Amino acid sequence: METYKVINGVSFADDTNEQVCNILSNLSRNTRIRVWYGDQVTGKSWNDDNDMTGYVGRSTGTVKVPLMIANNRSTGGGALLESYIIKIVDTQTKRVMYQHPAFNQPTFTNDGANILADGQHFGRNSTPASAARFCDFMNGKRMNK
C-alpha cells in the first residue's frame, strides 16, 4: 500500500519535493501555472509539451491528488506527476515559483519549420511561424503554444 503526505487536504507522493507540495496545495484556483517535468536527481527536463499549463485542482475520493485542470471553469483533469516537477511558473506574471537547483533543458531553435534542441532535430511543425512559437513555448518565453 502506498503512503502519502497530506498538506492542506491534498495528498502527495512521499518523494515529492516539500516546496512543490506547499506551492501546489496553496495555489489560488485563479492562478494558472506551467510545469516542467524531469529527473529529480539531475534536474534534466523531459521536454514535455502537452498538458503542461493549467490550474491546479484536486481529485475526489479518499486520496485527493493534485490535478492539472485546463481552465478555471473545468471540473476535472489529469493527475499531476508532482514528484517529477522540476519547475513551476505563474503564467500571468512569468514568475518562477519553484525551480530544481540543477534545472537544465536544451535550447530550442527553429530552422524553418524544423525544431532543433541544442542543434539536434527534435520535431517539425507545419510552418516556420508555428515552429518559432513552439520554440518560445519550450524555452519558457511563451506560456502557450
N, C-alpha and C. Protein backbone atom coordinates (compact mmCIF):
# COMPACT_ATOMS: atom_id res chain seq x y z
N MET A 1 0.84 -1.18 0.00
CA MET A 1 0.00 0.00 0.00
C MET A 1 0.88 1.25 0.00
N GLU A 2 0.55 2.18 -0.88
CA GLU A 2 1.33 3.40 -0.96
C GLU A 2 1.00 4.33 0.20
N THR A 3 2.01 5.10 0.60
CA THR A 3 1.79 6.10 1.63
C THR A 3 1.93 7.47 1.00
N TYR A 4 1.25 8.42 1.56
CA TYR A 4 1.23 9.78 1.05
C TYR A 4 1.49 10.75 2.18
N LYS A 5 1.94 11.93 1.80
CA LYS A 5 1.96 13.03 2.76
C LYS A 5 0.82 13.95 2.36
N VAL A 6 0.09 14.42 3.35
CA VAL A 6 -1.09 15.24 3.10
C VAL A 6 -0.81 16.65 3.60
N ILE A 7 -0.96 17.62 2.70
CA ILE A 7 -0.75 19.03 3.03
C ILE A 7 -1.99 19.79 2.58
N ASN A 8 -2.64 20.48 3.49
CA ASN A 8 -3.87 21.24 3.21
C ASN A 8 -4.91 20.39 2.50
N GLY A 9 -5.02 19.14 2.87
CA GLY A 9 -6.03 18.25 2.31
C GLY A 9 -5.66 17.63 0.98
N VAL A 10 -4.48 17.91 0.46
CA VAL A 10 -4.04 17.35 -0.82
C VAL A 10 -2.98 16.29 -0.54
N SER A 11 -3.11 15.14 -1.18
CA SER A 11 -2.17 14.03 -0.98
C SER A 11 -1.06 14.07 -2.04
N PHE A 12 0.16 13.92 -1.57
CA PHE A 12 1.34 13.93 -2.45
C PHE A 12 2.14 12.65 -2.22
N ALA A 13 2.80 12.18 -3.27
CA ALA A 13 3.70 11.04 -3.13
C ALA A 13 4.78 11.41 -2.12
N ASP A 14 5.23 10.44 -1.35
CA ASP A 14 6.23 10.69 -0.30
C ASP A 14 7.50 11.34 -0.82
N ASP A 15 7.89 11.06 -2.07
CA ASP A 15 9.15 11.59 -2.59
C ASP A 15 9.00 12.95 -3.28
N THR A 16 7.83 13.57 -3.15
CA THR A 16 7.62 14.90 -3.74
C THR A 16 8.36 15.96 -2.93
N ASN A 17 9.03 16.86 -3.64
CA ASN A 17 9.75 17.96 -3.00
C ASN A 17 8.79 18.75 -2.12
N GLU A 18 9.22 19.07 -0.91
CA GLU A 18 8.37 19.78 0.06
C GLU A 18 7.92 21.14 -0.47
N GLN A 19 8.80 21.85 -1.16
CA GLN A 19 8.46 23.16 -1.70
C GLN A 19 7.38 23.03 -2.77
N VAL A 20 7.47 22.00 -3.61
CA VAL A 20 6.45 21.75 -4.64
C VAL A 20 5.11 21.46 -3.97
N CYS A 21 5.11 20.64 -2.93
CA CYS A 21 3.88 20.33 -2.20
C CYS A 21 3.23 21.60 -1.66
N ASN A 22 4.01 22.46 -1.04
CA ASN A 22 3.47 23.69 -0.46
C ASN A 22 2.92 24.62 -1.53
N ILE A 23 3.61 24.74 -2.66
CA ILE A 23 3.12 25.60 -3.74
C ILE A 23 1.81 25.07 -4.29
N LEU A 24 1.77 23.79 -4.65
CA LEU A 24 0.57 23.22 -5.27
C LEU A 24 -0.62 23.21 -4.32
N SER A 25 -0.38 22.99 -3.04
CA SER A 25 -1.51 22.92 -2.10
C SER A 25 -2.02 24.29 -1.68
N ASN A 26 -1.26 25.35 -1.94
CA ASN A 26 -1.67 26.69 -1.53
C ASN A 26 -2.05 27.60 -2.69
N LEU A 27 -2.04 27.09 -3.92
CA LEU A 27 -2.37 27.93 -5.07
C LEU A 27 -3.83 28.34 -5.07
N SER A 28 -4.08 29.55 -5.48
CA SER A 28 -5.45 30.03 -5.68
C SER A 28 -6.02 29.33 -6.91
N ARG A 29 -7.30 29.09 -6.90
CA ARG A 29 -7.98 28.46 -8.04
C ARG A 29 -7.87 29.34 -9.29
N ASN A 30 -7.52 30.60 -9.13
CA ASN A 30 -7.41 31.53 -10.26
C ASN A 30 -5.97 31.69 -10.76
N THR A 31 -5.03 30.93 -10.22
CA THR A 31 -3.63 31.04 -10.65
C THR A 31 -3.33 29.96 -11.67
N ARG A 32 -3.02 30.40 -12.87
CA ARG A 32 -2.66 29.47 -13.95
C ARG A 32 -1.15 29.26 -13.90
N ILE A 33 -0.73 28.01 -13.99
CA ILE A 33 0.69 27.70 -13.91
C ILE A 33 1.15 26.88 -15.11
N ARG A 34 2.45 26.83 -15.27
CA ARG A 34 3.08 25.92 -16.21
C ARG A 34 4.09 25.11 -15.42
N VAL A 35 4.13 23.80 -15.68
CA VAL A 35 5.09 22.95 -15.00
C VAL A 35 6.03 22.30 -16.02
N TRP A 36 7.21 21.98 -15.56
CA TRP A 36 8.18 21.20 -16.31
C TRP A 36 8.41 19.93 -15.52
N TYR A 37 8.36 18.79 -16.19
CA TYR A 37 8.69 17.51 -15.57
C TYR A 37 10.12 17.14 -15.92
N GLY A 38 10.75 16.38 -15.03
CA GLY A 38 12.10 15.93 -15.33
C GLY A 38 12.65 15.02 -14.27
N ASP A 39 13.93 14.75 -14.39
CA ASP A 39 14.65 13.86 -13.47
C ASP A 39 14.92 14.60 -12.16
N GLN A 40 14.48 14.03 -11.05
CA GLN A 40 14.65 14.68 -9.75
C GLN A 40 16.09 14.72 -9.28
N VAL A 41 16.94 13.85 -9.78
CA VAL A 41 18.34 13.83 -9.36
C VAL A 41 19.16 14.82 -10.17
N THR A 42 19.03 14.76 -11.50
CA THR A 42 19.86 15.59 -12.38
C THR A 42 19.24 16.94 -12.72
N GLY A 43 17.92 17.08 -12.56
CA GLY A 43 17.24 18.31 -12.93
C GLY A 43 17.03 18.45 -14.42
N LYS A 44 17.30 17.40 -15.19
CA LYS A 44 17.16 17.43 -16.65
C LYS A 44 15.70 17.31 -17.06
N SER A 45 15.25 18.26 -17.87
CA SER A 45 13.87 18.30 -18.33
C SER A 45 13.55 17.13 -19.27
N TRP A 46 12.32 16.65 -19.19
CA TRP A 46 11.85 15.62 -20.12
C TRP A 46 11.37 16.23 -21.43
N ASN A 47 11.31 17.56 -21.52
CA ASN A 47 10.90 18.28 -22.72
C ASN A 47 9.46 17.95 -23.14
N ASP A 48 8.59 17.75 -22.15
CA ASP A 48 7.17 17.52 -22.45
C ASP A 48 6.53 18.82 -22.90
N ASP A 49 5.52 18.70 -23.79
CA ASP A 49 4.86 19.91 -24.24
C ASP A 49 3.33 19.83 -24.16
N ASN A 50 2.78 18.70 -23.76
CA ASN A 50 1.33 18.56 -23.65
C ASN A 50 0.88 18.53 -22.20
N ASP A 51 -0.24 19.20 -21.94
CA ASP A 51 -0.84 19.24 -20.60
C ASP A 51 0.11 19.79 -19.55
N MET A 52 0.85 20.82 -19.91
CA MET A 52 1.83 21.42 -19.01
C MET A 52 1.33 22.73 -18.40
N THR A 53 0.23 23.27 -18.89
CA THR A 53 -0.30 24.52 -18.35
C THR A 53 -1.74 24.32 -17.90
N GLY A 54 -2.12 25.05 -16.88
CA GLY A 54 -3.49 24.99 -16.40
C GLY A 54 -3.60 25.43 -14.96
N TYR A 55 -4.69 25.06 -14.37
CA TYR A 55 -4.99 25.42 -12.99
C TYR A 55 -4.92 24.15 -12.15
N VAL A 56 -4.54 24.28 -10.90
CA VAL A 56 -4.42 23.11 -10.04
C VAL A 56 -5.72 22.92 -9.27
N GLY A 57 -6.24 21.71 -9.38
CA GLY A 57 -7.41 21.30 -8.61
C GLY A 57 -7.03 20.05 -7.83
N ARG A 58 -8.02 19.37 -7.31
CA ARG A 58 -7.73 18.11 -6.65
C ARG A 58 -8.85 17.13 -6.93
N SER A 59 -8.47 15.88 -6.91
CA SER A 59 -9.43 14.82 -7.21
C SER A 59 -10.40 14.64 -6.04
N THR A 60 -11.43 13.86 -6.28
CA THR A 60 -12.35 13.50 -5.22
C THR A 60 -11.98 12.11 -4.72
N GLY A 61 -12.59 11.67 -3.70
CA GLY A 61 -12.29 10.35 -3.17
C GLY A 61 -11.46 10.44 -1.90
N THR A 62 -10.98 9.30 -1.45
CA THR A 62 -10.25 9.26 -0.18
C THR A 62 -8.84 9.83 -0.30
N VAL A 63 -8.19 9.66 -1.45
CA VAL A 63 -6.86 10.22 -1.67
C VAL A 63 -7.01 11.35 -2.69
N LYS A 64 -6.93 12.58 -2.23
CA LYS A 64 -7.15 13.76 -3.08
C LYS A 64 -5.82 14.22 -3.66
N VAL A 65 -5.56 13.82 -4.92
CA VAL A 65 -4.30 14.15 -5.57
C VAL A 65 -4.45 15.43 -6.39
N PRO A 66 -3.36 16.16 -6.62
CA PRO A 66 -3.45 17.38 -7.42
C PRO A 66 -3.70 17.05 -8.89
N LEU A 67 -4.56 17.83 -9.52
CA LEU A 67 -4.91 17.67 -10.93
C LEU A 67 -4.51 18.91 -11.71
N MET A 68 -4.17 18.74 -12.99
CA MET A 68 -3.96 19.87 -13.89
C MET A 68 -5.27 20.06 -14.65
N ILE A 69 -5.90 21.19 -14.41
CA ILE A 69 -7.21 21.47 -14.98
C ILE A 69 -7.05 22.52 -16.09
N ALA A 70 -7.66 22.26 -17.24
CA ALA A 70 -7.45 23.08 -18.42
C ALA A 70 -7.78 24.56 -18.22
N ASN A 71 -8.95 24.85 -17.64
CA ASN A 71 -9.30 26.24 -17.36
C ASN A 71 -10.03 26.31 -16.03
N ASN A 72 -10.17 27.49 -15.49
CA ASN A 72 -10.72 27.58 -14.13
C ASN A 72 -12.21 27.30 -14.05
N ARG A 73 -12.87 27.03 -15.18
CA ARG A 73 -14.28 26.62 -15.17
C ARG A 73 -14.41 25.10 -15.26
N SER A 74 -13.31 24.41 -15.59
CA SER A 74 -13.35 22.95 -15.73
C SER A 74 -13.50 22.29 -14.36
N THR A 75 -14.01 21.08 -14.37
CA THR A 75 -14.20 20.36 -13.11
C THR A 75 -13.26 19.17 -12.97
N GLY A 76 -12.53 18.83 -14.00
CA GLY A 76 -11.63 17.68 -13.89
C GLY A 76 -10.45 17.79 -14.82
N GLY A 77 -9.48 16.94 -14.60
CA GLY A 77 -8.29 16.94 -15.43
C GLY A 77 -7.40 15.77 -15.05
N GLY A 78 -6.24 15.74 -15.65
CA GLY A 78 -5.30 14.66 -15.38
C GLY A 78 -4.49 14.90 -14.12
N ALA A 79 -4.09 13.82 -13.48
CA ALA A 79 -3.28 13.93 -12.27
C ALA A 79 -1.90 14.47 -12.61
N LEU A 80 -1.41 15.36 -11.77
CA LEU A 80 -0.05 15.87 -11.93
C LEU A 80 0.94 14.81 -11.46
N LEU A 81 2.05 14.71 -12.14
CA LEU A 81 3.15 13.86 -11.70
C LEU A 81 4.01 14.71 -10.76
N GLU A 82 3.44 15.04 -9.61
CA GLU A 82 4.04 16.06 -8.74
C GLU A 82 5.45 15.70 -8.27
N SER A 83 5.76 14.44 -8.16
CA SER A 83 7.10 14.08 -7.69
C SER A 83 8.16 14.24 -8.78
N TYR A 84 7.74 14.56 -10.02
CA TYR A 84 8.68 14.77 -11.12
C TYR A 84 8.72 16.23 -11.58
N ILE A 85 8.06 17.12 -10.84
CA ILE A 85 8.07 18.54 -11.22
C ILE A 85 9.43 19.13 -10.89
N ILE A 86 10.04 19.77 -11.91
CA ILE A 86 11.33 20.40 -11.69
C ILE A 86 11.26 21.92 -11.86
N LYS A 87 10.10 22.42 -12.30
CA LYS A 87 9.95 23.88 -12.41
C LYS A 87 8.47 24.21 -12.46
N ILE A 88 8.10 25.30 -11.77
CA ILE A 88 6.72 25.82 -11.78
C ILE A 88 6.80 27.31 -12.04
N VAL A 89 5.99 27.78 -13.01
CA VAL A 89 5.96 29.21 -13.35
C VAL A 89 4.52 29.69 -13.35
N ASP A 90 4.27 30.87 -12.77
CA ASP A 90 2.99 31.54 -12.84
C ASP A 90 2.89 32.11 -14.26
N THR A 91 1.89 31.68 -15.04
CA THR A 91 1.83 32.07 -16.46
C THR A 91 1.50 33.54 -16.66
N GLN A 92 0.81 34.15 -15.72
CA GLN A 92 0.45 35.56 -15.89
C GLN A 92 1.65 36.48 -15.65
N THR A 93 2.37 36.24 -14.57
CA THR A 93 3.49 37.11 -14.22
C THR A 93 4.83 36.58 -14.72
N LYS A 94 4.85 35.31 -15.15
CA LYS A 94 6.07 34.60 -15.57
C LYS A 94 7.08 34.49 -14.43
N ARG A 95 6.58 34.57 -13.21
CA ARG A 95 7.43 34.42 -12.03
C ARG A 95 7.69 32.94 -11.80
N VAL A 96 8.97 32.61 -11.61
CA VAL A 96 9.33 31.23 -11.30
C VAL A 96 9.01 30.99 -9.83
N MET A 97 8.09 30.08 -9.59
CA MET A 97 7.67 29.78 -8.23
C MET A 97 8.56 28.70 -7.60
N TYR A 98 9.04 27.80 -8.44
CA TYR A 98 9.95 26.75 -7.99
C TYR A 98 10.82 26.33 -9.17
N GLN A 99 12.08 26.06 -8.88
CA GLN A 99 12.97 25.51 -9.90
C GLN A 99 13.98 24.60 -9.21
N HIS A 100 14.15 23.41 -9.75
CA HIS A 100 15.14 22.46 -9.24
C HIS A 100 16.51 23.14 -9.29
N PRO A 101 17.34 22.95 -8.27
CA PRO A 101 18.65 23.62 -8.23
C PRO A 101 19.52 23.33 -9.46
N ALA A 102 19.36 22.15 -10.07
CA ALA A 102 20.17 21.80 -11.24
C ALA A 102 19.33 21.78 -12.52
N PHE A 103 18.23 22.55 -12.54
CA PHE A 103 17.33 22.56 -13.71
C PHE A 103 18.13 22.80 -14.99
N ASN A 104 17.90 21.95 -15.97
CA ASN A 104 18.53 22.16 -17.27
C ASN A 104 17.67 21.54 -18.36
N GLN A 105 17.67 22.22 -19.48
CA GLN A 105 16.95 21.74 -20.65
C GLN A 105 17.68 22.28 -21.87
N PRO A 106 17.48 21.65 -23.03
CA PRO A 106 18.14 22.16 -24.23
C PRO A 106 17.56 23.51 -24.64
N THR A 107 18.29 24.22 -25.45
CA THR A 107 17.79 25.45 -26.06
C THR A 107 17.12 25.06 -27.37
N PHE A 108 15.87 25.48 -27.51
CA PHE A 108 15.11 25.14 -28.71
C PHE A 108 15.20 26.28 -29.71
N THR A 109 15.49 25.93 -30.95
CA THR A 109 15.54 26.88 -32.06
C THR A 109 14.81 26.26 -33.23
N ASN A 110 14.53 27.08 -34.23
CA ASN A 110 13.90 26.53 -35.43
C ASN A 110 14.69 26.92 -36.66
N ASP A 111 14.69 26.02 -37.60
CA ASP A 111 15.28 26.22 -38.93
C ASP A 111 14.14 26.01 -39.91
N GLY A 112 13.46 27.09 -40.24
CA GLY A 112 12.23 26.96 -41.00
C GLY A 112 11.19 26.31 -40.11
N ALA A 113 10.58 25.23 -40.60
CA ALA A 113 9.57 24.52 -39.82
C ALA A 113 10.18 23.45 -38.92
N ASN A 114 11.48 23.20 -39.07
CA ASN A 114 12.16 22.20 -38.25
C ASN A 114 12.49 22.76 -36.88
N ILE A 115 12.32 21.93 -35.86
CA ILE A 115 12.61 22.33 -34.48
C ILE A 115 13.87 21.59 -34.05
N LEU A 116 14.81 22.36 -33.48
CA LEU A 116 16.08 21.81 -33.03
C LEU A 116 16.21 21.99 -31.53
N ALA A 117 16.75 20.99 -30.86
CA ALA A 117 17.05 21.06 -29.42
C ALA A 117 18.56 20.95 -29.30
N ASP A 118 19.19 22.06 -28.91
CA ASP A 118 20.67 22.14 -28.88
C ASP A 118 21.26 21.69 -30.21
N GLY A 119 20.63 22.13 -31.30
CA GLY A 119 21.14 21.85 -32.64
C GLY A 119 20.77 20.49 -33.20
N GLN A 120 20.13 19.63 -32.43
CA GLN A 120 19.73 18.30 -32.90
C GLN A 120 18.24 18.30 -33.24
N HIS A 121 17.89 17.57 -34.29
CA HIS A 121 16.50 17.52 -34.72
C HIS A 121 15.60 17.04 -33.58
N PHE A 122 14.52 17.80 -33.33
CA PHE A 122 13.57 17.45 -32.26
C PHE A 122 12.19 17.17 -32.84
N GLY A 123 11.82 17.91 -33.87
CA GLY A 123 10.50 17.74 -34.46
C GLY A 123 10.30 18.70 -35.61
N ARG A 124 9.07 18.73 -36.12
CA ARG A 124 8.75 19.61 -37.24
C ARG A 124 7.32 20.10 -37.07
N ASN A 125 7.13 21.37 -37.33
CA ASN A 125 5.79 21.95 -37.34
C ASN A 125 5.39 22.24 -38.78
N SER A 126 4.16 22.64 -38.97
CA SER A 126 3.66 22.84 -40.33
C SER A 126 4.20 24.12 -40.97
N THR A 127 4.50 25.13 -40.17
CA THR A 127 5.01 26.39 -40.72
C THR A 127 6.17 26.90 -39.87
N PRO A 128 7.02 27.74 -40.44
CA PRO A 128 8.09 28.34 -39.65
C PRO A 128 7.56 29.17 -38.47
N ALA A 129 6.43 29.84 -38.65
CA ALA A 129 5.86 30.66 -37.58
C ALA A 129 5.42 29.78 -36.41
N SER A 130 4.77 28.64 -36.70
CA SER A 130 4.34 27.76 -35.61
C SER A 130 5.54 27.09 -34.95
N ALA A 131 6.59 26.82 -35.72
CA ALA A 131 7.82 26.25 -35.13
C ALA A 131 8.47 27.27 -34.20
N ALA A 132 8.47 28.54 -34.58
CA ALA A 132 9.05 29.59 -33.73
C ALA A 132 8.25 29.73 -32.44
N ARG A 133 6.91 29.68 -32.53
CA ARG A 133 6.06 29.75 -31.33
C ARG A 133 6.32 28.55 -30.42
N PHE A 134 6.45 27.37 -31.01
CA PHE A 134 6.73 26.18 -30.23
C PHE A 134 8.07 26.32 -29.49
N CYS A 135 9.08 26.82 -30.18
CA CYS A 135 10.40 27.02 -29.54
C CYS A 135 10.30 28.00 -28.39
N ASP A 136 9.57 29.09 -28.59
CA ASP A 136 9.37 30.06 -27.50
C ASP A 136 8.66 29.42 -26.32
N PHE A 137 7.69 28.53 -26.60
CA PHE A 137 6.99 27.82 -25.53
C PHE A 137 7.96 26.91 -24.78
N MET A 138 8.71 26.13 -25.49
CA MET A 138 9.64 25.18 -24.86
C MET A 138 10.73 25.90 -24.08
N ASN A 139 11.16 27.07 -24.56
CA ASN A 139 12.19 27.85 -23.88
C ASN A 139 11.62 28.67 -22.72
N GLY A 140 10.30 28.66 -22.53
CA GLY A 140 9.67 29.38 -21.43
C GLY A 140 9.42 30.85 -21.69
N LYS A 141 9.53 31.28 -22.95
CA LYS A 141 9.25 32.67 -23.30
C LYS A 141 7.76 32.90 -23.49
N ARG A 142 7.04 31.86 -23.88
CA ARG A 142 5.58 31.87 -24.03
C ARG A 142 5.01 30.85 -23.07
N MET A 143 3.80 31.05 -22.64
CA MET A 143 3.19 30.09 -21.73
C MET A 143 2.12 29.24 -22.43
N ASN A 144 1.95 29.44 -23.73
CA ASN A 144 1.10 28.55 -24.53
C ASN A 144 1.69 28.44 -25.92
N LYS A 145 1.33 27.37 -26.61
CA LYS A 145 1.92 27.12 -27.93
C LYS A 145 1.26 27.98 -28.96
